[in-house]
């Protein structure tokens, strides 16, 4: 029998299951209240990130997807911060969270969809999760699929 749990618990369970996959490639999850969940890794003045989006699809169903990929060039962002006008809502934490490049992975975006397909990939992977059993079943599928995360060189 499938036990129904709240959306917040489903999201927490899913992210815990996902954590091991990007960790192999040197990514770690950073959770920010205002910026969401981002798997990132630092390498020679550059931060690479994979954003995981999760939200309510229909009542009691979590929709989770790879929402975006990001790259931050620290020196570029430091220069931009020095030359742009100050703003009372932008503090050091907000500046550190910014990305130089942000690509939303979206099936509705024609350019992104065609770019991914031209590289031999597919459009964004979306998981619809109703229960904790769905989270575990999804994780078992990942274990049997080839990893596209890449290794650190």
Foldseek 3Di string as FASTA:
>chain_A
DFDFDDQVVLVVLLVVLCQVQLVQQVWGWDADPPPGIWTWHDDDQKIKIWHKDWDDPDPQKIKIWRFKIFMARNVVLVVVVVPDDDDPVDDPVNSVPDGPDIDTQDPVDPVNQVVQVVVVHGGMDMQIDRGSVSSVVVSVVVVVDDRPSDHYD
